[in-house]
PDB file of N, CA and C in Angstrom:
ATOM      1  N   MET A   1     -27.792  17.787  97.406  1.00  0.00           N
ATOM      2  CA  MET A   1     -25.979  18.605  96.727  1.00  0.00           C
ATOM      3  C   MET A   1     -25.621  18.167  98.556  1.00  0.00           C
ATOM      4  N   ALA A   2     -25.690  18.400  99.679  1.00  0.00           N
ATOM      5  CA  ALA A   2     -25.147  17.865 100.627  1.00  0.00           C
ATOM      6  C   ALA A   2     -24.193  16.959 101.157  1.00  0.00           C
ATOM      7  N   GLU A   3     -24.804  16.072 100.658  1.00  0.00           N
ATOM      8  CA  GLU A   3     -24.317  14.226 100.781  1.00  0.00           C
ATOM      9  C   GLU A   3     -23.550  14.366  99.457  1.00  0.00           C
ATOM     10  N   SER A   4     -23.354  14.779  98.335  1.00  0.00           N
ATOM     11  CA  SER A   4     -22.372  14.625  97.446  1.00  0.00           C
ATOM     12  C   SER A   4     -21.104  15.749  97.804  1.00  0.00           C
ATOM     13  N   ARG A   5     -21.135  16.845  98.075  1.00  0.00           N
ATOM     14  CA  ARG A   5     -20.602  17.799  98.504  1.00  0.00           C
ATOM     15  C   ARG A   5     -19.188  17.109  98.744  1.00  0.00           C
ATOM     16  N   PRO A   6     -17.999  16.988  98.942  1.00  0.00           N
ATOM     17  CA  PRO A   6     -16.505  16.510  99.128  1.00  0.00           C
ATOM     18  C   PRO A   6     -16.386  17.263 100.395  1.00  0.00           C
ATOM     19  N   GLU A   7     -15.613  17.053 101.199  1.00  0.00           N
ATOM     20  CA  GLU A   7     -15.207  17.161 103.080  1.00  0.00           C
ATOM     21  C   GLU A   7     -14.006  18.692 102.823  1.00  0.00           C
ATOM     22  N   TRP A   8     -14.688  19.220 103.113  1.00  0.00           N
ATOM     23  CA  TRP A   8     -13.444  20.758 103.019  1.00  0.00           C
ATOM     24  C   TRP A   8     -12.420  20.223 103.092  1.00  0.00           C
ATOM     25  N   LYS A   9     -11.303  21.142 102.599  1.00  0.00           N
ATOM     26  CA  LYS A   9      -9.674  20.586 102.289  1.00  0.00           C
ATOM     27  C   LYS A   9      -9.641  19.274 101.920  1.00  0.00           C
ATOM     28  N   SER A  10     -10.402  18.864 101.245  1.00  0.00           N
ATOM     29  CA  SER A  10     -10.361  17.524 100.564  1.00  0.00           C
ATOM     30  C   SER A  10      -9.161  17.139  99.968  1.00  0.00           C
ATOM     31  N   HIS A  11      -8.958  18.068  98.607  1.00  0.00           N
ATOM     32  CA  HIS A  11      -8.466  18.565  97.642  1.00  0.00           C
ATOM     33  C   HIS A  11      -7.563  19.430  98.154  1.00  0.00           C
ATOM     34  N   GLU A  12      -6.593  19.908  97.136  1.00  0.00           N
ATOM     35  CA  GLU A  12      -5.256  20.300  97.432  1.00  0.00           C
ATOM     36  C   GLU A  12      -6.170  21.961  96.831  1.00  0.00           C
ATOM     37  N   PRO A  13      -5.735  23.146  96.902  1.00  0.00           N
ATOM     38  CA  PRO A  13      -6.253  24.539  96.299  1.00  0.00           C
ATOM     39  C   PRO A  13      -5.754  24.118  94.915  1.00  0.00           C
ATOM     40  N   GLY A  14      -6.903  24.291  93.628  1.00  0.00           N
ATOM     41  CA  GLY A  14      -6.752  24.456  92.452  1.00  0.00           C
ATOM     42  C   GLY A  14      -6.863  23.092  91.636  1.00  0.00           C
ATOM     43  N   THR A  15      -7.146  22.272  92.455  1.00  0.00           N
ATOM     44  CA  THR A  15      -7.088  20.806  92.065  1.00  0.00           C
ATOM     45  C   THR A  15      -8.305  20.187  92.073  1.00  0.00           C
ATOM     46  N   PHE A  16      -9.625  21.082  92.353  1.00  0.00           N
ATOM     47  CA  PHE A  16     -10.914  20.588  92.296  1.00  0.00           C
ATOM     48  C   PHE A  16     -11.919  21.713  92.571  1.00  0.00           C
ATOM     49  N   PHE A  17     -13.000  21.823  91.897  1.00  0.00           N
ATOM     50  CA  PHE A  17     -13.868  22.445  91.393  1.00  0.00           C
ATOM     51  C   PHE A  17     -15.573  22.331  92.352  1.00  0.00           C
ATOM     52  N   TYR A  18     -15.905  22.612  92.776  1.00  0.00           N
ATOM     53  CA  TYR A  18     -17.173  22.925  93.431  1.00  0.00           C
ATOM     54  C   TYR A  18     -18.049  23.712  93.468  1.00  0.00           C
ATOM     55  N   CYS A  19     -19.318  23.630  92.577  1.00  0.00           N
ATOM     56  CA  CYS A  19     -20.102  25.025  92.317  1.00  0.00           C
ATOM     57  C   CYS A  19     -21.030  25.112  93.337  1.00  0.00           C
ATOM     58  N   ASN A  20     -21.617  25.894  94.102  1.00  0.00           N
ATOM     59  CA  ASN A  20     -22.299  25.886  95.081  1.00  0.00           C
ATOM     60  C   ASN A  20     -23.232  27.400  95.006  1.00  0.00           C
ATOM     61  N   ASN A  21     -22.774  27.637  93.944  1.00  0.00           N
ATOM     62  CA  ASN A  21     -23.361  29.291  93.615  1.00  0.00           C
ATOM     63  C   ASN A  21     -23.801  30.091  94.860  1.00  0.00           C
ATOM     64  N   TRP A  22     -22.734  29.877  96.068  1.00  0.00           N
ATOM     65  CA  TRP A  22     -22.513  30.986  96.952  1.00  0.00           C
ATOM     66  C   TRP A  22     -22.281  32.332  96.635  1.00  0.00           C
ATOM     67  N   ASP A  23     -21.455  32.029  95.773  1.00  0.00           N
ATOM     68  CA  ASP A  23     -20.996  33.903  95.447  1.00  0.00           C
ATOM     69  C   ASP A  23     -22.367  34.888  94.830  1.00  0.00           C
ATOM     70  N   PHE A  24     -23.063  33.890  94.465  1.00  0.00           N
ATOM     71  CA  PHE A  24     -24.464  34.577  94.081  1.00  0.00           C
ATOM     72  C   PHE A  24     -25.518  35.211  95.120  1.00  0.00           C
ATOM     73  N   LYS A  25     -25.090  34.108  95.950  1.00  0.00           N
ATOM     74  CA  LYS A  25     -26.007  34.121  96.945  1.00  0.00           C
ATOM     75  C   LYS A  25     -25.549  35.256  97.818  1.00  0.00           C
ATOM     76  N   VAL A  26     -24.569  35.250  98.208  1.00  0.00           N
ATOM     77  CA  VAL A  26     -24.197  36.543  98.831  1.00  0.00           C
ATOM     78  C   VAL A  26     -24.427  37.552  98.371  1.00  0.00           C
ATOM     79  N   LEU A  27     -24.147  37.808  96.937  1.00  0.00           N
ATOM     80  CA  LEU A  27     -24.347  38.979  95.963  1.00  0.00           C
ATOM     81  C   LEU A  27     -25.572  39.153  96.238  1.00  0.00           C
ATOM     82  N   GLU A  28     -26.514  38.733  96.512  1.00  0.00           N
ATOM     83  CA  GLU A  28     -28.022  39.023  96.572  1.00  0.00           C
ATOM     84  C   GLU A  28     -28.480  39.727  97.702  1.00  0.00           C
ATOM     85  N   SER A  29     -27.781  39.050  98.810  1.00  0.00           N
ATOM     86  CA  SER A  29     -27.534  39.274 100.332  1.00  0.00           C
ATOM     87  C   SER A  29     -27.288  40.840 100.105  1.00  0.00           C
ATOM     88  N   ILE A  30     -26.070  41.489  99.789  1.00  0.00           N
ATOM     89  CA  ILE A  30     -25.542  42.584 100.244  1.00  0.00           C
ATOM     90  C   ILE A  30     -26.745  43.327  99.284  1.00  0.00           C
ATOM     91  N   SER A  31     -27.080  43.188  98.036  1.00  0.00           N
ATOM     92  CA  SER A  31     -27.652  43.719  97.098  1.00  0.00           C
ATOM     93  C   SER A  31     -28.902  44.249  97.857  1.00  0.00           C
ATOM     94  N   VAL A  32     -29.804  43.126  98.613  1.00  0.00           N
ATOM     95  CA  VAL A  32     -31.053  43.501  99.416  1.00  0.00           C
ATOM     96  C   VAL A  32     -30.589  44.199 100.584  1.00  0.00           C
ATOM     97  N   ARG A  33     -29.992  44.051 101.006  1.00  0.00           N
ATOM     98  CA  ARG A  33     -28.999  44.426 101.880  1.00  0.00           C
ATOM     99  C   ARG A  33     -29.063  46.432 101.997  1.00  0.00           C
ATOM    100  N   GLU A  34     -28.038  46.463 101.037  1.00  0.00           N
ATOM    101  CA  GLU A  34     -27.750  47.940 100.366  1.00  0.00           C
ATOM    102  C   GLU A  34     -29.300  48.552  99.940  1.00  0.00           C
ATOM    103  N   THR A  35     -29.359  47.912  98.908  1.00  0.00           N
ATOM    104  CA  THR A  35     -30.972  48.695  98.152  1.00  0.00           C
ATOM    105  C   THR A  35     -32.034  48.013  98.748  1.00  0.00           C
ATOM    106  N   GLU A  36     -32.299  47.563  99.535  1.00  0.00           N
ATOM    107  CA  GLU A  36     -33.588  47.048  99.523  1.00  0.00           C
ATOM    108  C   GLU A  36     -34.241  46.373  98.498  1.00  0.00           C
ATOM    109  N   GLU A  37     -33.671  45.506  97.235  1.00  0.00           N
ATOM    110  CA  GLU A  37     -34.467  45.441  96.176  1.00  0.00           C
ATOM    111  C   GLU A  37     -33.590  44.118  95.746  1.00  0.00           C
ATOM    112  N   PHE A  38     -34.189  43.301  95.427  1.00  0.00           N
ATOM    113  CA  PHE A  38     -33.746  41.976  94.780  1.00  0.00           C
ATOM    114  C   PHE A  38     -32.840  42.098  93.445  1.00  0.00           C
ATOM    115  N   ILE A  39     -31.733  41.487  93.146  1.00  0.00           N
ATOM    116  CA  ILE A  39     -31.395  41.678  91.775  1.00  0.00           C
ATOM    117  C   ILE A  39     -32.141  41.555  90.889  1.00  0.00           C
ATOM    118  N   GLY A  40     -32.691  40.832  90.601  1.00  0.00           N
ATOM    119  CA  GLY A  40     -33.619  40.233  89.566  1.00  0.00           C
ATOM    120  C   GLY A  40     -34.593  41.340  89.202  1.00  0.00           C
ATOM    121  N   ARG A  41     -35.115  42.400  89.936  1.00  0.00           N
ATOM    122  CA  ARG A  41     -36.202  43.358  89.990  1.00  0.00           C
ATOM    123  C   ARG A  41     -35.410  44.313  89.881  1.00  0.00           C
ATOM    124  N   ALA A  42     -34.363  44.940  90.106  1.00  0.00           N
ATOM    125  CA  ALA A  42     -33.348  45.839  89.692  1.00  0.00           C
ATOM    126  C   ALA A  42     -32.691  45.896  88.357  1.00  0.00           C
ATOM    127  N   PHE A  43     -32.450  43.959  88.180  1.00  0.00           N
ATOM    128  CA  PHE A  43     -32.047  44.125  86.528  1.00  0.00           C
ATOM    129  C   PHE A  43     -32.571  44.730  86.102  1.00  0.00           C
ATOM    130  N   GLU A  44     -34.369  44.269  86.113  1.00  0.00           N
ATOM    131  CA  GLU A  44     -35.474  44.558  84.685  1.00  0.00           C
ATOM    132  C   GLU A  44     -35.232  45.874  85.371  1.00  0.00           C
ATOM    133  N   ARG A  45     -35.716  46.516  86.426  1.00  0.00           N
ATOM    134  CA  ARG A  45     -36.077  48.128  86.328  1.00  0.00           C
ATOM    135  C   ARG A  45     -35.305  48.867  85.938  1.00  0.00           C
ATOM    136  N   ARG A  46     -33.917  48.419  86.191  1.00  0.00           N
ATOM    137  CA  ARG A  46     -32.500  49.337  85.415  1.00  0.00           C
ATOM    138  C   ARG A  46     -32.010  48.862  84.320  1.00  0.00           C
ATOM    139  N   THR A  47     -31.879  47.928  84.125  1.00  0.00           N
ATOM    140  CA  THR A  47     -31.280  47.331  82.851  1.00  0.00           C
ATOM    141  C   THR A  47     -31.771  46.989  81.345  1.00  0.00           C
ATOM    142  N   ALA A  48     -32.541  45.952  81.675  1.00  0.00           N
ATOM    143  CA  ALA A  48     -33.796  45.562  80.734  1.00  0.00           C
ATOM    144  C   ALA A  48     -34.891  46.363  80.409  1.00  0.00           C
ATOM    145  N   HIS A  49     -35.404  47.262  80.947  1.00  0.00           N
ATOM    146  CA  HIS A  49     -35.949  48.006  80.285  1.00  0.00           C
ATOM    147  C   HIS A  49     -35.665  48.302  79.156  1.00  0.00           C
ATOM    148  N   PRO A  50     -36.977  48.184  78.163  1.00  0.00           N
ATOM    149  CA  PRO A  50     -37.101  48.204  76.872  1.00  0.00           C
ATOM    150  C   PRO A  50     -36.422  49.561  76.188  1.00  0.00           C
ATOM    151  N   ARG A  51     -36.347  50.562  76.929  1.00  0.00           N
ATOM    152  CA  ARG A  51     -35.789  51.788  76.574  1.00  0.00           C
ATOM    153  C   ARG A  51     -34.518  51.504  75.982  1.00  0.00           C
ATOM    154  N   PHE A  52     -33.510  50.830  76.780  1.00  0.00           N
ATOM    155  CA  PHE A  52     -32.164  50.591  76.715  1.00  0.00           C
ATOM    156  C   PHE A  52     -31.946  49.076  76.077  1.00  0.00           C
ATOM    157  N   ALA A  53     -33.264  48.689  75.060  1.00  0.00           N
ATOM    158  CA  ALA A  53     -33.382  47.879  73.989  1.00  0.00           C
ATOM    159  C   ALA A  53     -32.362  48.241  72.528  1.00  0.00           C
ATOM    160  N   PHE A  54     -31.896  47.796  72.093  1.00  0.00           N
ATOM    161  CA  PHE A  54     -30.766  48.185  70.452  1.00  0.00           C
ATOM    162  C   PHE A  54     -30.628  46.963  69.739  1.00  0.00           C
ATOM    163  N   SER A  55     -30.256  47.416  68.567  1.00  0.00           N
ATOM    164  CA  SER A  55     -30.544  45.897  67.884  1.00  0.00           C
ATOM    165  C   SER A  55     -28.921  45.762  66.902  1.00  0.00           C
ATOM    166  N   MET A  56     -28.327  44.971  66.717  1.00  0.00           N
ATOM    167  CA  MET A  56     -26.978  45.034  65.788  1.00  0.00           C
ATOM    168  C   MET A  56     -27.652  44.137  64.864  1.00  0.00           C
ATOM    169  N   SER A  57     -26.837  44.496  63.489  1.00  0.00           N
ATOM    170  CA  SER A  57     -26.486  44.075  62.123  1.00  0.00           C
ATOM    171  C   SER A  57     -25.442  42.617  62.711  1.00  0.00           C
ATOM    172  N   LYS A  58     -25.463  41.745  61.837  1.00  0.00           N
ATOM    173  CA  LYS A  58     -24.785  40.702  60.815  1.00  0.00           C
ATOM    174  C   LYS A  58     -23.312  41.473  61.507  1.00  0.00           C
ATOM    175  N   ARG A  59     -22.788  42.445  60.843  1.00  0.00           N
ATOM    176  CA  ARG A  59     -22.399  42.986  60.257  1.00  0.00           C
ATOM    177  C   ARG A  59     -21.594  43.761  61.975  1.00  0.00           C
ATOM    178  N   ASP A  60     -22.267  44.415  62.718  1.00  0.00           N
ATOM    179  CA  ASP A  60     -21.464  44.430  63.808  1.00  0.00           C
ATOM    180  C   ASP A  60     -21.241  43.162  65.006  1.00  0.00           C
ATOM    181  N   LEU A  61     -21.966  42.499  64.843  1.00  0.00           N
ATOM    182  CA  LEU A  61     -21.352  41.450  65.702  1.00  0.00           C
ATOM    183  C   LEU A  61     -20.314  40.614  65.228  1.00  0.00           C
ATOM    184  N   ALA A  62     -20.206  41.037  64.220  1.00  0.00           N
ATOM    185  CA  ALA A  62     -18.826  40.301  63.171  1.00  0.00           C
ATOM    186  C   ALA A  62     -17.435  41.215  63.594  1.00  0.00           C
ATOM    187  N   ARG A  63     -18.370  42.812  63.916  1.00  0.00           N
ATOM    188  CA  ARG A  63     -17.085  43.838  63.691  1.00  0.00           C
ATOM    189  C   ARG A  63     -16.383  42.970  65.044  1.00  0.00           C
ATOM    190  N   ILE A  64     -17.284  43.149  66.544  1.00  0.00           N
ATOM    191  CA  ILE A  64     -17.277  42.418  67.928  1.00  0.00           C
ATOM    192  C   ILE A  64     -16.761  40.979  68.145  1.00  0.00           C
ATOM    193  N   GLY A  65     -16.635  40.433  66.816  1.00  0.00           N
ATOM    194  CA  GLY A  65     -16.079  38.967  67.189  1.00  0.00           C
ATOM    195  C   GLY A  65     -14.116  39.457  66.449  1.00  0.00           C
ATOM    196  N   GLN A  66     -14.604  40.297  65.449  1.00  0.00           N
ATOM    197  CA  GLN A  66     -13.080  40.491  64.826  1.00  0.00           C
ATOM    198  C   GLN A  66     -12.283  40.951  66.395  1.00  0.00           C
ATOM    199  N   LEU A  67     -13.033  42.106  67.185  1.00  0.00           N
ATOM    200  CA  LEU A  67     -12.527  42.604  68.166  1.00  0.00           C
ATOM    201  C   LEU A  67     -11.733  41.736  69.022  1.00  0.00           C
ATOM    202  N   SER A  68     -12.852  40.625  69.427  1.00  0.00           N
ATOM    203  CA  SER A  68     -12.343  40.099  69.901  1.00  0.00           C
ATOM    204  C   SER A  68     -10.732  39.210  69.615  1.00  0.00           C
ATOM    205  N   SER A  69     -10.882  38.819  68.302  1.00  0.00           N
ATOM    206  CA  SER A  69      -9.394  38.025  67.664  1.00  0.00           C
ATOM    207  C   SER A  69      -8.490  38.910  67.500  1.00  0.00           C
ATOM    208  N   GLN A  70      -8.702  40.190  67.484  1.00  0.00           N
ATOM    209  CA  GLN A  70      -7.360  41.260  67.528  1.00  0.00           C
ATOM    210  C   GLN A  70      -6.678  41.655  68.565  1.00  0.00           C
ATOM    211  N   THR A  71      -6.991  40.639  70.300  1.00  0.00           N
ATOM    212  CA  THR A  71      -6.937  41.248  71.475  1.00  0.00           C
ATOM    213  C   THR A  71      -7.431  42.697  71.389  1.00  0.00           C
ATOM    214  N   ALA A  72      -8.476  43.341  71.203  1.00  0.00           N
ATOM    215  CA  ALA A  72      -9.306  44.392  71.484  1.00  0.00           C
ATOM    216  C   ALA A  72      -8.142  45.595  70.657  1.00  0.00           C
ATOM    217  N   GLN A  73      -7.527  45.243  69.750  1.00  0.00           N
ATOM    218  CA  GLN A  73      -7.306  46.357  68.959  1.00  0.00           C
ATOM    219  C   GLN A  73      -7.778  46.689  67.290  1.00  0.00           C
ATOM    220  N   TRP A  74      -8.198  47.802  67.265  1.00  0.00           N
ATOM    221  CA  TRP A  74      -8.683  48.496  65.623  1.00  0.00           C
ATOM    222  C   TRP A  74      -8.083  49.511  65.195  1.00  0.00           C
ATOM    223  N   ASP A  75      -7.560  49.400  64.083  1.00  0.00           N
ATOM    224  CA  ASP A  75      -6.679  50.464  63.380  1.00  0.00           C
ATOM    225  C   ASP A  75      -5.408  50.689  64.270  1.00  0.00           C
ATOM    226  N   SER A  76      -5.027  49.719  64.974  1.00  0.00           N
ATOM    227  CA  SER A  76      -3.373  49.545  65.540  1.00  0.00           C
ATOM    228  C   SER A  76      -4.094  50.355  66.905  1.00  0.00           C
ATOM    229  N   ARG A  77      -4.778  50.910  67.454  1.00  0.00           N
ATOM    230  CA  ARG A  77      -5.343  51.476  68.630  1.00  0.00           C
ATOM    231  C   ARG A  77      -5.996  50.331  69.464  1.00  0.00           C
ATOM    232  N   THR A  78      -5.899  50.460  70.989  1.00  0.00           N
ATOM    233  CA  THR A  78      -6.018  49.455  71.931  1.00  0.00           C
ATOM    234  C   THR A  78      -8.199  50.193  72.087  1.00  0.00           C
ATOM    235  N   VAL A  79      -9.020  49.238  72.176  1.00  0.00           N
ATOM    236  CA  VAL A  79      -9.756  49.952  71.988  1.00  0.00           C
ATOM    237  C   VAL A  79     -10.256  49.647  73.866  1.00  0.00           C
ATOM    238  N   ILE A  80     -10.219  47.963  73.714  1.00  0.00           N
ATOM    239  CA  ILE A  80      -9.955  47.503  75.413  1.00  0.00           C
ATOM    240  C   ILE A  80      -8.733  46.966  76.211  1.00  0.00           C
ATOM    241  N   PRO A  81      -8.013  47.271  77.393  1.00  0.00           N
ATOM    242  CA  PRO A  81      -6.557  47.069  77.151  1.00  0.00           C
ATOM    243  C   PRO A  81      -6.620  45.319  77.305  1.00  0.00           C
ATOM    244  N   ALA A  82      -5.796  44.756  76.724  1.00  0.00           N
ATOM    245  CA  ALA A  82      -5.945  43.524  76.827  1.00  0.00           C
ATOM    246  C   ALA A  82      -5.835  42.999  77.963  1.00  0.00           C
ATOM    247  N   ASP A  83      -5.484  42.590  78.984  1.00  0.00           N
ATOM    248  CA  ASP A  83      -5.551  42.311  80.326  1.00  0.00           C
ATOM    249  C   ASP A  83      -6.745  42.352  80.158  1.00  0.00           C
ATOM    250  N   TRP A  84      -7.841  42.920  80.152  1.00  0.00           N
ATOM    251  CA  TRP A  84      -8.903  42.575  80.866  1.00  0.00           C
ATOM    252  C   TRP A  84      -9.979  41.535  79.661  1.00  0.00           C
ATOM    253  N   VAL A  85      -9.717  41.695  78.270  1.00  0.00           N
ATOM    254  CA  VAL A  85      -9.965  40.777  77.274  1.00  0.00           C
ATOM    255  C   VAL A  85      -9.540  39.657  78.101  1.00  0.00           C
ATOM    256  N   ASP A  86      -8.618  39.026  78.284  1.00  0.00           N
ATOM    257  CA  ASP A  86      -7.793  37.603  79.015  1.00  0.00           C
ATOM    258  C   ASP A  86      -8.504  37.288  79.899  1.00  0.00           C
ATOM    259  N   LYS A  87      -8.664  38.311  81.009  1.00  0.00           N
ATOM    260  CA  LYS A  87      -9.196  38.363  82.272  1.00  0.00           C
ATOM    261  C   LYS A  87     -10.863  37.869  82.037  1.00  0.00           C
ATOM    262  N   SER A  88     -11.622  39.114  81.264  1.00  0.00           N
ATOM    263  CA  SER A  88     -12.818  38.440  81.191  1.00  0.00           C
ATOM    264  C   SER A  88     -13.219  37.503  80.351  1.00  0.00           C
ATOM    265  N   THR A  89     -12.545  37.017  79.514  1.00  0.00           N
ATOM    266  CA  THR A  89     -12.888  35.397  78.512  1.00  0.00           C
ATOM    267  C   THR A  89     -12.488  34.264  79.205  1.00  0.00           C
ATOM    268  N   ARG A  90     -11.410  34.418  80.263  1.00  0.00           N
ATOM    269  CA  ARG A  90     -10.795  32.767  80.615  1.00  0.00           C
ATOM    270  C   ARG A  90     -11.678  32.157  81.177  1.00  0.00           C
ATOM    271  N   THR A  91     -11.707  30.820  81.573  1.00  0.00           N
ATOM    272  CA  THR A  91     -11.848  30.383  81.972  1.00  0.00           C
ATOM    273  C   THR A  91     -10.963  29.997  84.227  1.00  0.00           C
ATOM    274  N   TYR A  92     -12.228  30.280  84.731  1.00  0.00           N
ATOM    275  CA  TYR A  92     -11.310  30.318  85.918  1.00  0.00           C
ATOM    276  C   TYR A  92     -11.977  28.870  86.864  1.00  0.00           C
ATOM    277  N   SER A  93     -12.853  27.378  86.515  1.00  0.00           N
ATOM    278  CA  SER A  93     -12.844  26.679  86.733  1.00  0.00           C
ATOM    279  C   SER A  93     -13.024  25.726  85.764  1.00  0.00           C
ATOM    280  N   ASP A  94     -12.829  24.824  85.483  1.00  0.00           N
ATOM    281  CA  ASP A  94     -13.308  23.543  85.412  1.00  0.00           C
ATOM    282  C   ASP A  94     -14.276  22.439  85.432  1.00  0.00           C
ATOM    283  N   ASP A  95     -15.461  22.672  84.558  1.00  0.00           N
ATOM    284  CA  ASP A  95     -17.009  21.555  85.268  1.00  0.00           C
ATOM    285  C   ASP A  95     -16.769  20.112  84.514  1.00  0.00           C
ATOM    286  N   SER A  96     -15.534  19.707  84.199  1.00  0.00           N
ATOM    287  CA  SER A  96     -16.015  18.487  83.614  1.00  0.00           C
ATOM    288  C   SER A  96     -16.769  18.491  81.902  1.00  0.00           C
ATOM    289  N   PHE A  97     -16.832  19.090  81.300  1.00  0.00           N
ATOM    290  CA  PHE A  97     -17.048  19.425  80.025  1.00  0.00           C
ATOM    291  C   PHE A  97     -16.068  19.776  79.159  1.00  0.00           C
ATOM    292  N   GLU A  98     -15.922  18.992  78.298  1.00  0.00           N
ATOM    293  CA  GLU A  98     -14.665  19.488  77.484  1.00  0.00           C
ATOM    294  C   GLU A  98     -14.299  21.093  77.145  1.00  0.00           C
ATOM    295  N   GLY A  99     -13.171  21.380  77.605  1.00  0.00           N
ATOM    296  CA  GLY A  99     -13.297  23.290  77.505  1.00  0.00           C
ATOM    297  C   GLY A  99     -14.473  24.339  77.744  1.00  0.00           C
ATOM    298  N   MET A 100     -14.930  23.703  78.630  1.00  0.00           N
ATOM    299  CA  MET A 100     -15.709  24.307  79.369  1.00  0.00           C
ATOM    300  C   MET A 100     -15.637  24.770  81.043  1.00  0.00           C
ATOM    301  N   GLY A 101     -16.412  25.885  81.234  1.00  0.00           N
ATOM    302  CA  GLY A 101     -16.132  25.840  82.775  1.00  0.00           C
ATOM    303  C   GLY A 101     -16.221  27.500  82.990  1.00  0.00           C
ATOM    304  N   HIS A 102     -16.460  28.195  84.305  1.00  0.00           N
ATOM    305  CA  HIS A 102     -16.788  29.351  85.327  1.00  0.00           C
ATOM    306  C   HIS A 102     -15.737  30.383  85.223  1.00  0.00           C
ATOM    307  N   GLY A 103     -16.307  31.356  84.136  1.00  0.00           N
ATOM    308  CA  GLY A 103     -15.433  32.504  84.435  1.00  0.00           C
ATOM    309  C   GLY A 103     -16.079  33.783  85.200  1.00  0.00           C
ATOM    310  N   HIS A 104     -15.411  34.679  84.736  1.00  0.00           N
ATOM    311  CA  HIS A 104     -16.464  36.147  85.490  1.00  0.00           C
ATOM    312  C   HIS A 104     -18.400  36.126  85.379  1.00  0.00           C
ATOM    313  N   MET A 105     -18.796  36.281  86.654  1.00  0.00           N
ATOM    314  CA  MET A 105     -20.139  36.503  86.596  1.00  0.00           C
ATOM    315  C   MET A 105     -20.654  37.348  85.378  1.00  0.00           C
TER     316      MET A 105
END
């Protein structure tokens, strides 16, 4: 990949994207330094453990879709702030596939 990487500052800001997973590597490094545990192991131990398992019906999934399409409004109440929905679903970089890209981790 090093050979195909463009020269530093060879493109104007916001006109080109080159994915190198640096943010994930930094996050992993910080995690190990601060917790002495790799992210994958922490996720498995703390988040993906079977006791956190839950099931959703088709109706539940449809409700989440409906909530998303209504900009997080339900019965005229804001359930999730609209700016968070916008930021969390926005594509921040284009990866050459039509309509595809990277957003929040």
